Amino acid sequence: MTAVAARARHRSARRPVTPLTELTGTLAGAGRRTAVVAASSGLMVSMIAVPATAAPSSNDTALGSVDTTNLTASARAVLDTAPQVTAPAEAAWTFEAPAVTAVVPEPEPEPEPVVTTTSRSAARADAAATTETASVEVASAAVPQSVAGNAVLEVAARYVGTPYVSGGTTPDGFDCSGFVSYVYAQLGIDLPRTSSAIKGAGTVVSAADAQPGDLIWSPGHIAIYAGGNQQIDAPRPGKTVQFRAIWQSNPVFIRIG
């Protein structure tokens, strides 16, 4: 009789099984988002299982609808209560331009005399060069009525048309102070040579108290007051002794004697 030895069967080794692996295997296919909470050795574990191969459903990707009516209600209420600004079709813009006043500058002061040793013949040559111009100005010069009976103006009027000569002190040619000094010298009154010195030799009077025959001084120039708004003087190079309107904006009136 043949004896057969029976071989013992051994069970193949298996992975260790824990409560956590049992729960995980049971719930693996329950859904894409499953919360698994297990207690192992007193530790709470939270896990979300999402299969990588699962395709997203339309319910997960679609955003919920938003009610814009409620969101814009407050803005519409503000617009409805805000005041409305309207402009008529015929509206026009206007601009008030400020008034502009033109200021005419005062003429430049007449030059002070320059005392030189110019010979009488040279002065006569200068006078001859302006003879034609002088004759025209004499013809057009208006002699004020105040000249009659006024000794100073009667003497001054004799030299209307005399040419201006810088440094001139004779009827061959006058500058401004040379003319005034010469006129007063004919009346026996000696005056200084320059306009500034003549101012200091007299007494300042107001324009309201000024009389024909007084002097009118301004920086660099002096003339004889002829009454009203007139004066007689030797103006500047190229001009002649003449009666003309007072051009000084703030003249100083001087009385001699």
C-alpha atoms as a PDB file:
ATOM      1  CA  MET A   1       0.000   0.000   0.000  1.00  0.00           C
ATOM      2  CA  THR A   2       1.498   3.304  -1.072  1.00  0.00           C
ATOM      3  CA  ALA A   3       1.444   5.997   1.464  1.00  0.00           C
ATOM      4  CA  VAL A   4       0.749   9.537   0.144  1.00  0.00           C
ATOM      5  CA  ALA A   5       1.904  12.361   2.212  1.00  0.00           C
ATOM      6  CA  ALA A   6      -0.587  15.144   2.385  1.00  0.00           C
ATOM      7  CA  ARG A   7       0.947  18.580   1.747  1.00  0.00           C
ATOM      8  CA  ALA A   8      -0.180  21.415   3.890  1.00  0.00           C
ATOM      9  CA  ARG A   9      -1.651  24.441   2.164  1.00  0.00           C
ATOM     10  CA  HIS A  10      -0.447  27.920   3.097  1.00  0.00           C
ATOM     11  CA  ARG A  11      -2.550  30.993   2.662  1.00  0.00           C
ATOM     12  CA  SER A  12      -0.856  33.745   0.580  1.00  0.00           C
ATOM     13  CA  ALA A  13       0.197  36.851   2.450  1.00  0.00           C
ATOM     14  CA  ARG A  14      -2.371  39.609   2.480  1.00  0.00           C
ATOM     15  CA  ARG A  15      -2.114  43.335   3.098  1.00  0.00           C
ATOM     16  CA  PRO A  16      -2.923  44.311   6.594  1.00  0.00           C
ATOM     17  CA  VAL A  17      -6.473  45.433   7.050  1.00  0.00           C
ATOM     18  CA  THR A  18      -7.381  48.333   9.297  1.00  0.00           C
ATOM     19  CA  PRO A  19     -10.688  49.980  10.003  1.00  0.00           C
ATOM     20  CA  LEU A  20      -9.642  52.911   7.835  1.00  0.00           C
ATOM     21  CA  THR A  21      -8.878  50.778   4.771  1.00  0.00           C
ATOM     22  CA  GLU A  22     -12.144  48.951   5.131  1.00  0.00           C
ATOM     23  CA  LEU A  23     -14.121  52.192   5.137  1.00  0.00           C
ATOM     24  CA  THR A  24     -12.135  53.560   2.209  1.00  0.00           C
ATOM     25  CA  GLY A  25     -12.777  50.485   0.075  1.00  0.00           C
ATOM     26  CA  THR A  26     -16.442  50.500   0.908  1.00  0.00           C
ATOM     27  CA  LEU A  27     -16.959  54.143  -0.010  1.00  0.00           C
ATOM     28  CA  ALA A  28     -14.586  54.367  -3.037  1.00  0.00           C
ATOM     29  CA  GLY A  29     -17.337  54.501  -5.659  1.00  0.00           C
ATOM     30  CA  ALA A  30     -19.925  56.458  -3.675  1.00  0.00           C
ATOM     31  CA  GLY A  31     -19.335  59.760  -5.582  1.00  0.00           C
ATOM     32  CA  ARG A  32     -16.778  62.336  -6.653  1.00  0.00           C
ATOM     33  CA  ARG A  33     -17.040  64.285  -3.420  1.00  0.00           C
ATOM     34  CA  THR A  34     -17.355  62.090  -0.321  1.00  0.00           C
ATOM     35  CA  ALA A  35     -16.348  63.067   3.148  1.00  0.00           C
ATOM     36  CA  VAL A  36     -14.786  60.234   5.012  1.00  0.00           C
ATOM     37  CA  VAL A  37     -14.383  60.592   8.684  1.00  0.00           C
ATOM     38  CA  ALA A  38     -12.783  57.775  10.558  1.00  0.00           C
ATOM     39  CA  ALA A  39     -11.555  57.342  14.046  1.00  0.00           C
ATOM     40  CA  SER A  40      -8.269  55.609  14.400  1.00  0.00           C
ATOM     41  CA  SER A  41      -6.415  55.609  17.679  1.00  0.00           C
ATOM     42  CA  GLY A  42      -8.456  58.596  18.760  1.00  0.00           C
ATOM     43  CA  LEU A  43      -7.431  60.744  15.632  1.00  0.00           C
ATOM     44  CA  MET A  44     -10.199  62.427  13.477  1.00  0.00           C
ATOM     45  CA  VAL A  45      -9.329  62.395   9.746  1.00  0.00           C
ATOM     46  CA  SER A  46     -11.256  64.360   7.114  1.00  0.00           C
ATOM     47  CA  MET A  47     -10.704  63.514   3.451  1.00  0.00           C
ATOM     48  CA  ILE A  48     -12.324  64.437   0.189  1.00  0.00           C
ATOM     49  CA  ALA A  49     -11.908  61.905  -2.581  1.00  0.00           C
ATOM     50  CA  VAL A  50     -12.211  63.107  -6.146  1.00  0.00           C
ATOM     51  CA  PRO A  51     -11.331  60.631  -8.894  1.00  0.00           C
ATOM     52  CA  ALA A  52      -8.953  62.172 -11.430  1.00  0.00           C
ATOM     53  CA  THR A  53     -10.664  60.464 -14.354  1.00  0.00           C
ATOM     54  CA  ALA A  54     -14.132  61.719 -13.500  1.00  0.00           C
ATOM     55  CA  ALA A  55     -15.508  64.258 -15.967  1.00  0.00           C
ATOM     56  CA  PRO A  56     -17.057  67.457 -14.503  1.00  0.00           C
ATOM     57  CA  SER A  57     -20.793  67.621 -14.699  1.00  0.00           C
ATOM     58  CA  SER A  58     -22.785  70.613 -15.858  1.00  0.00           C
ATOM     59  CA  ASN A  59     -24.170  71.049 -12.354  1.00  0.00           C
ATOM     60  CA  ASP A  60     -20.662  71.588 -10.899  1.00  0.00           C
ATOM     61  CA  THR A  61     -19.362  74.142 -13.505  1.00  0.00           C
ATOM     62  CA  ALA A  62     -22.453  76.304 -13.995  1.00  0.00           C
ATOM     63  CA  LEU A  63     -22.691  79.440 -11.862  1.00  0.00           C
ATOM     64  CA  GLY A  64     -25.888  80.296 -10.154  1.00  0.00           C
ATOM     65  CA  SER A  65     -28.032  83.066 -11.630  1.00  0.00           C
ATOM     66  CA  VAL A  66     -27.689  86.573 -10.175  1.00  0.00           C
ATOM     67  CA  ASP A  67     -30.653  88.895  -9.709  1.00  0.00           C
ATOM     68  CA  THR A  68     -29.404  92.206 -11.152  1.00  0.00           C
ATOM     69  CA  THR A  69     -32.665  93.946 -10.406  1.00  0.00           C
ATOM     70  CA  ASN A  70     -31.929  94.077  -6.706  1.00  0.00           C
ATOM     71  CA  LEU A  71     -28.325  95.138  -7.326  1.00  0.00           C
ATOM     72  CA  THR A  72     -29.248  98.129  -9.503  1.00  0.00           C
ATOM     73  CA  ALA A  73     -32.359  99.178  -7.604  1.00  0.00           C
ATOM     74  CA  SER A  74     -30.499 101.620  -5.340  1.00  0.00           C
ATOM     75  CA  ALA A  75     -28.594 103.188  -8.251  1.00  0.00           C
ATOM     76  CA  ARG A  76     -31.811 103.669 -10.204  1.00  0.00           C
ATOM     77  CA  ALA A  77     -33.432 105.289  -7.189  1.00  0.00           C
ATOM     78  CA  VAL A  78     -30.568 107.830  -6.980  1.00  0.00           C
ATOM     79  CA  LEU A  79     -30.824 108.633 -10.693  1.00  0.00           C
ATOM     80  CA  ASP A  80     -34.604 109.059 -10.448  1.00  0.00           C
ATOM     81  CA  THR A  81     -34.327 111.547  -7.582  1.00  0.00           C
ATOM     82  CA  ALA A  82     -31.332 113.476  -8.981  1.00  0.00           C
ATOM     83  CA  PRO A  83     -32.091 116.948 -10.421  1.00  0.00           C
ATOM     84  CA  GLN A  84     -32.087 117.201 -14.198  1.00  0.00           C
ATOM     85  CA  VAL A  85     -29.903 119.830 -15.884  1.00  0.00           C
ATOM     86  CA  THR A  86     -31.126 121.114 -19.203  1.00  0.00           C
ATOM     87  CA  ALA A  87     -29.994 123.942 -21.454  1.00  0.00           C
ATOM     88  CA  PRO A  88     -32.218 125.729 -23.978  1.00  0.00           C
ATOM     89  CA  ALA A  89     -31.259 125.410 -27.586  1.00  0.00           C
ATOM     90  CA  GLU A  90     -30.806 129.179 -27.891  1.00  0.00           C
ATOM     91  CA  ALA A  91     -28.420 129.396 -24.935  1.00  0.00           C
ATOM     92  CA  ALA A  92     -25.280 131.421 -25.613  1.00  0.00           C
ATOM     93  CA  TRP A  93     -22.079 132.090 -23.723  1.00  0.00           C
ATOM     94  CA  THR A  94     -21.172 135.671 -22.920  1.00  0.00           C
ATOM     95  CA  PHE A  95     -17.922 137.197 -21.678  1.00  0.00           C
ATOM     96  CA  GLU A  96     -17.520 140.667 -20.257  1.00  0.00           C
ATOM     97  CA  ALA A  97     -14.191 142.071 -21.350  1.00  0.00           C
ATOM     98  CA  PRO A  98     -12.614 144.466 -18.837  1.00  0.00           C
ATOM     99  CA  ALA A  99     -12.378 148.080 -19.855  1.00  0.00           C
ATOM    100  CA  VAL A 100      -8.958 148.960 -21.201  1.00  0.00           C
ATOM    101  CA  THR A 101      -7.739 152.511 -20.877  1.00  0.00           C
ATOM    102  CA  ALA A 102      -4.899 153.582 -23.123  1.00  0.00           C
ATOM    103  CA  VAL A 103      -2.298 155.676 -21.372  1.00  0.00           C
ATOM    104  CA  VAL A 104      -0.449 158.076 -23.639  1.00  0.00           C
ATOM    105  CA  PRO A 105       3.093 158.469 -22.360  1.00  0.00           C
ATOM    106  CA  GLU A 106       4.253 161.932 -21.551  1.00  0.00           C
ATOM    107  CA  PRO A 107       6.772 163.373 -24.023  1.00  0.00           C
ATOM    108  CA  GLU A 108      10.375 163.018 -23.068  1.00  0.00           C
ATOM    109  CA  PRO A 109      11.812 165.916 -21.037  1.00  0.00           C
ATOM    110  CA  GLU A 110      13.494 168.580 -23.055  1.00  0.00           C
ATOM    111  CA  PRO A 111      17.306 168.411 -22.969  1.00  0.00           C
ATOM    112  CA  GLU A 112      19.215 170.614 -20.566  1.00  0.00           C
ATOM    113  CA  PRO A 113      21.354 173.263 -22.245  1.00  0.00           C
ATOM    114  CA  VAL A 114      24.937 172.426 -22.997  1.00  0.00           C
ATOM    115  CA  VAL A 115      27.196 175.437 -22.629  1.00  0.00           C
ATOM    116  CA  THR A 116      29.759 175.440 -25.418  1.00  0.00           C
ATOM    117  CA  THR A 117      32.011 177.930 -27.146  1.00  0.00           C
ATOM    118  CA  THR A 118      30.032 177.748 -30.351  1.00  0.00           C
ATOM    119  CA  SER A 119      30.743 180.832 -32.415  1.00  0.00           C
ATOM    120  CA  ARG A 120      28.018 183.256 -33.441  1.00  0.00           C
ATOM    121  CA  SER A 121      28.591 182.358 -37.091  1.00  0.00           C
ATOM    122  CA  ALA A 122      27.945 178.671 -36.374  1.00  0.00           C
ATOM    123  CA  ALA A 123      24.737 179.552 -34.557  1.00  0.00           C
ATOM    124  CA  ARG A 124      23.611 181.648 -37.523  1.00  0.00           C
ATOM    125  CA  ALA A 125      24.340 178.729 -39.834  1.00  0.00           C
ATOM    126  CA  ASP A 126      22.101 176.492 -37.732  1.00  0.00           C
ATOM    127  CA  ALA A 127      19.383 179.149 -37.752  1.00  0.00           C
ATOM    128  CA  ALA A 128      19.555 179.465 -41.524  1.00  0.00           C
ATOM    129  CA  ALA A 129      19.053 175.706 -41.920  1.00  0.00           C
ATOM    130  CA  THR A 130      15.657 175.933 -40.223  1.00  0.00           C
ATOM    131  CA  THR A 131      14.461 179.241 -41.626  1.00  0.00           C
ATOM    132  CA  GLU A 132      11.906 177.684 -43.949  1.00  0.00           C
ATOM    133  CA  THR A 133      10.418 175.500 -41.195  1.00  0.00           C
ATOM    134  CA  ALA A 134      10.355 178.431 -38.789  1.00  0.00           C
ATOM    135  CA  SER A 135       8.401 180.635 -41.187  1.00  0.00           C
ATOM    136  CA  VAL A 136       5.674 177.995 -41.497  1.00  0.00           C
ATOM    137  CA  GLU A 137       5.383 177.598 -37.730  1.00  0.00           C
ATOM    138  CA  VAL A 138       5.259 181.363 -37.157  1.00  0.00           C
ATOM    139  CA  ALA A 139       2.393 181.705 -39.592  1.00  0.00           C
ATOM    140  CA  SER A 140       0.389 178.991 -37.833  1.00  0.00           C
ATOM    141  CA  ALA A 141       1.241 179.979 -34.248  1.00  0.00           C
ATOM    142  CA  ALA A 142      -1.725 181.405 -32.357  1.00  0.00           C
ATOM    143  CA  VAL A 143      -0.849 184.290 -30.043  1.00  0.00           C
ATOM    144  CA  PRO A 144      -3.023 184.179 -26.891  1.00  0.00           C
ATOM    145  CA  GLN A 145      -4.963 187.284 -25.858  1.00  0.00           C
ATOM    146  CA  SER A 146      -3.134 187.206 -22.541  1.00  0.00           C
ATOM    147  CA  VAL A 147      -0.037 188.593 -24.331  1.00  0.00           C
ATOM    148  CA  ALA A 148      -1.562 192.056 -24.582  1.00  0.00           C
ATOM    149  CA  GLY A 149      -0.653 194.113 -21.543  1.00  0.00           C
ATOM    150  CA  ASN A 150       1.659 191.455 -20.067  1.00  0.00           C
ATOM    151  CA  ALA A 151       5.262 192.630 -20.176  1.00  0.00           C
ATOM    152  CA  VAL A 152       6.811 189.144 -20.026  1.00  0.00           C
ATOM    153  CA  LEU A 153       4.627 187.696 -22.777  1.00  0.00           C
ATOM    154  CA  GLU A 154       4.984 190.750 -25.008  1.00  0.00           C
ATOM    155  CA  VAL A 155       8.767 190.352 -24.946  1.00  0.00           C
ATOM    156  CA  ALA A 156       8.557 186.559 -25.415  1.00  0.00           C
ATOM    157  CA  ALA A 157       6.181 186.863 -28.396  1.00  0.00           C
ATOM    158  CA  ARG A 158       8.800 188.849 -30.332  1.00  0.00           C
ATOM    159  CA  TYR A 159      10.917 185.722 -30.700  1.00  0.00           C
ATOM    160  CA  VAL A 160       8.310 183.322 -32.003  1.00  0.00           C
ATOM    161  CA  GLY A 161       9.945 181.363 -34.833  1.00  0.00           C
ATOM    162  CA  THR A 162      13.481 181.582 -33.441  1.00  0.00           C
ATOM    163  CA  PRO A 163      15.117 178.174 -33.985  1.00  0.00           C
ATOM    164  CA  TYR A 164      16.108 175.909 -31.146  1.00  0.00           C
ATOM    165  CA  VAL A 165      19.874 175.769 -30.668  1.00  0.00           C
ATOM    166  CA  SER A 166      21.401 173.705 -27.899  1.00  0.00           C
ATOM    167  CA  GLY A 167      23.151 176.112 -25.516  1.00  0.00           C
ATOM    168  CA  GLY A 168      21.676 179.096 -27.356  1.00  0.00           C
ATOM    169  CA  THR A 169      21.026 182.286 -25.364  1.00  0.00           C
ATOM    170  CA  THR A 170      20.444 184.882 -28.109  1.00  0.00           C
ATOM    171  CA  PRO A 171      17.835 185.606 -30.818  1.00  0.00           C
ATOM    172  CA  ASP A 172      20.106 183.700 -33.211  1.00  0.00           C
ATOM    173  CA  GLY A 173      19.007 180.526 -31.402  1.00  0.00           C
ATOM    174  CA  PHE A 174      17.607 179.559 -28.004  1.00  0.00           C
ATOM    175  CA  ASP A 175      17.356 176.499 -25.874  1.00  0.00           C
ATOM    176  CA  CYS A 176      14.590 176.344 -23.246  1.00  0.00           C
ATOM    177  CA  SER A 177      16.373 177.999 -20.328  1.00  0.00           C
ATOM    178  CA  GLY A 178      18.328 180.348 -22.593  1.00  0.00           C
ATOM    179  CA  PHE A 179      15.038 181.690 -23.969  1.00  0.00           C
ATOM    180  CA  VAL A 180      13.467 182.236 -20.526  1.00  0.00           C
ATOM    181  CA  SER A 181      16.600 183.891 -19.177  1.00  0.00           C
ATOM    182  CA  TYR A 182      16.853 186.196 -22.197  1.00  0.00           C
ATOM    183  CA  VAL A 183      13.204 187.291 -21.963  1.00  0.00           C
ATOM    184  CA  TYR A 184      13.454 188.134 -18.266  1.00  0.00           C
ATOM    185  CA  ALA A 185      16.800 189.874 -18.857  1.00  0.00           C
ATOM    186  CA  GLN A 186      15.011 192.333 -21.177  1.00  0.00           C
ATOM    187  CA  LEU A 187      12.943 193.306 -18.134  1.00  0.00           C
ATOM    188  CA  GLY A 188      16.003 193.725 -15.918  1.00  0.00           C
ATOM    189  CA  ILE A 189      15.706 190.383 -14.115  1.00  0.00           C
ATOM    190  CA  ASP A 190      18.724 188.090 -14.118  1.00  0.00           C
ATOM    191  CA  LEU A 191      17.981 184.359 -13.945  1.00  0.00           C
ATOM    192  CA  PRO A 192      20.311 181.339 -13.634  1.00  0.00           C
ATOM    193  CA  ARG A 193      21.390 179.419 -16.705  1.00  0.00           C
ATOM    194  CA  THR A 194      19.715 176.029 -16.259  1.00  0.00           C
ATOM    195  CA  SER A 195      16.060 175.065 -15.794  1.00  0.00           C
ATOM    196  CA  SER A 196      16.666 173.473 -12.382  1.00  0.00           C
ATOM    197  CA  ALA A 197      18.496 176.578 -11.125  1.00  0.00           C
ATOM    198  CA  ILE A 198      15.698 178.838 -12.418  1.00  0.00           C
ATOM    199  CA  LYS A 199      13.169 176.749 -10.464  1.00  0.00           C
ATOM    200  CA  GLY A 200      15.118 177.353  -7.283  1.00  0.00           C
ATOM    201  CA  ALA A 201      15.234 181.112  -7.935  1.00  0.00           C
ATOM    202  CA  GLY A 202      11.450 181.524  -7.765  1.00  0.00           C
ATOM    203  CA  THR A 203       8.465 180.601  -5.620  1.00  0.00           C
ATOM    204  CA  VAL A 204       6.239 177.605  -6.338  1.00  0.00           C
ATOM    205  CA  VAL A 205       2.558 178.527  -6.803  1.00  0.00           C
ATOM    206  CA  SER A 206      -0.479 176.336  -7.483  1.00  0.00           C
ATOM    207  CA  ALA A 207      -1.943 175.921 -10.935  1.00  0.00           C
ATOM    208  CA  ALA A 208      -5.063 177.794  -9.756  1.00  0.00           C
ATOM    209  CA  ASP A 209      -2.969 180.796  -8.643  1.00  0.00           C
ATOM    210  CA  ALA A 210      -0.643 180.828 -11.652  1.00  0.00           C
ATOM    211  CA  GLN A 211      -0.696 183.997 -13.794  1.00  0.00           C
ATOM    212  CA  PRO A 212       0.469 184.667 -17.362  1.00  0.00           C
ATOM    213  CA  GLY A 213       4.165 185.427 -17.288  1.00  0.00           C
ATOM    214  CA  ASP A 214       4.924 182.864 -14.558  1.00  0.00           C
ATOM    215  CA  LEU A 215       7.151 179.930 -15.428  1.00  0.00           C
ATOM    216  CA  ILE A 216       6.304 176.255 -15.976  1.00  0.00           C
ATOM    217  CA  TRP A 217       8.946 173.773 -14.874  1.00  0.00           C
ATOM    218  CA  SER A 218       9.205 170.034 -15.501  1.00  0.00           C
ATOM    219  CA  PRO A 219      12.275 167.793 -15.248  1.00  0.00           C
ATOM    220  CA  GLY A 220      14.747 169.014 -17.880  1.00  0.00           C
ATOM    221  CA  HIS A 221      12.547 171.784 -19.289  1.00  0.00           C
ATOM    222  CA  ILE A 222      11.207 175.254 -18.522  1.00  0.00           C
ATOM    223  CA  ALA A 223       8.674 177.475 -20.316  1.00  0.00           C
ATOM    224  CA  ILE A 224       6.691 180.683 -19.813  1.00  0.00           C
ATOM    225  CA  TYR A 225       3.031 180.357 -18.833  1.00  0.00           C
ATOM    226  CA  ALA A 226       0.742 182.121 -21.321  1.00  0.00           C
ATOM    227  CA  GLY A 227      -2.558 181.622 -19.476  1.00  0.00           C
ATOM    228  CA  GLY A 228      -5.269 179.009 -19.934  1.00  0.00           C
ATOM    229  CA  ASN A 229      -3.647 175.834 -21.233  1.00  0.00           C
ATOM    230  CA  GLN A 230      -0.938 177.632 -23.218  1.00  0.00           C
ATOM    231  CA  GLN A 231       2.792 178.188 -22.861  1.00  0.00           C
ATOM    232  CA  ILE A 232       5.575 179.682 -24.945  1.00  0.00           C
ATOM    233  CA  ASP A 233       8.956 177.992 -25.057  1.00  0.00           C
ATOM    234  CA  ALA A 234      11.852 176.732 -27.134  1.00  0.00           C
ATOM    235  CA  PRO A 235      10.835 173.049 -27.433  1.00  0.00           C
ATOM    236  CA  ARG A 236      13.691 170.903 -28.734  1.00  0.00           C
ATOM    237  CA  PRO A 237      16.130 170.515 -31.659  1.00  0.00           C
ATOM    238  CA  GLY A 238      14.386 170.958 -34.989  1.00  0.00           C
ATOM    239  CA  LYS A 239      11.632 173.154 -33.503  1.00  0.00           C
ATOM    240  CA  THR A 240      11.303 176.895 -32.956  1.00  0.00           C
ATOM    241  CA  VAL A 241      10.025 179.186 -30.212  1.00  0.00           C
ATOM    242  CA  GLN A 242       6.239 178.930 -30.276  1.00  0.00           C
ATOM    243  CA  PHE A 243       2.981 179.108 -28.343  1.00  0.00           C
ATOM    244  CA  ARG A 244       1.575 175.631 -27.721  1.00  0.00           C
ATOM    245  CA  ALA A 245      -0.593 173.646 -25.325  1.00  0.00           C
ATOM    246  CA  ILE A 246       0.826 172.582 -21.978  1.00  0.00           C
ATOM    247  CA  TRP A 247       1.892 168.960 -22.507  1.00  0.00           C
ATOM    248  CA  GLN A 248       3.368 168.267 -19.077  1.00  0.00           C
ATOM    249  CA  SER A 249       1.174 165.960 -16.976  1.00  0.00           C
ATOM    250  CA  ASN A 250       2.207 167.476 -13.637  1.00  0.00           C
ATOM    251  CA  PRO A 251       3.892 170.859 -14.248  1.00  0.00           C
ATOM    252  CA  VAL A 252       5.260 173.035 -11.468  1.00  0.00           C
ATOM    253  CA  PHE A 253       4.376 176.729 -11.672  1.00  0.00           C
ATOM    254  CA  ILE A 254       7.083 179.150 -10.575  1.00  0.00           C
ATOM    255  CA  ARG A 255       6.717 182.863  -9.858  1.00  0.00           C
ATOM    256  CA  ILE A 256       9.750 185.122 -10.188  1.00  0.00           C
ATOM    257  CA  GLY A 257      10.057 188.171  -7.916  1.00  0.00           C
END
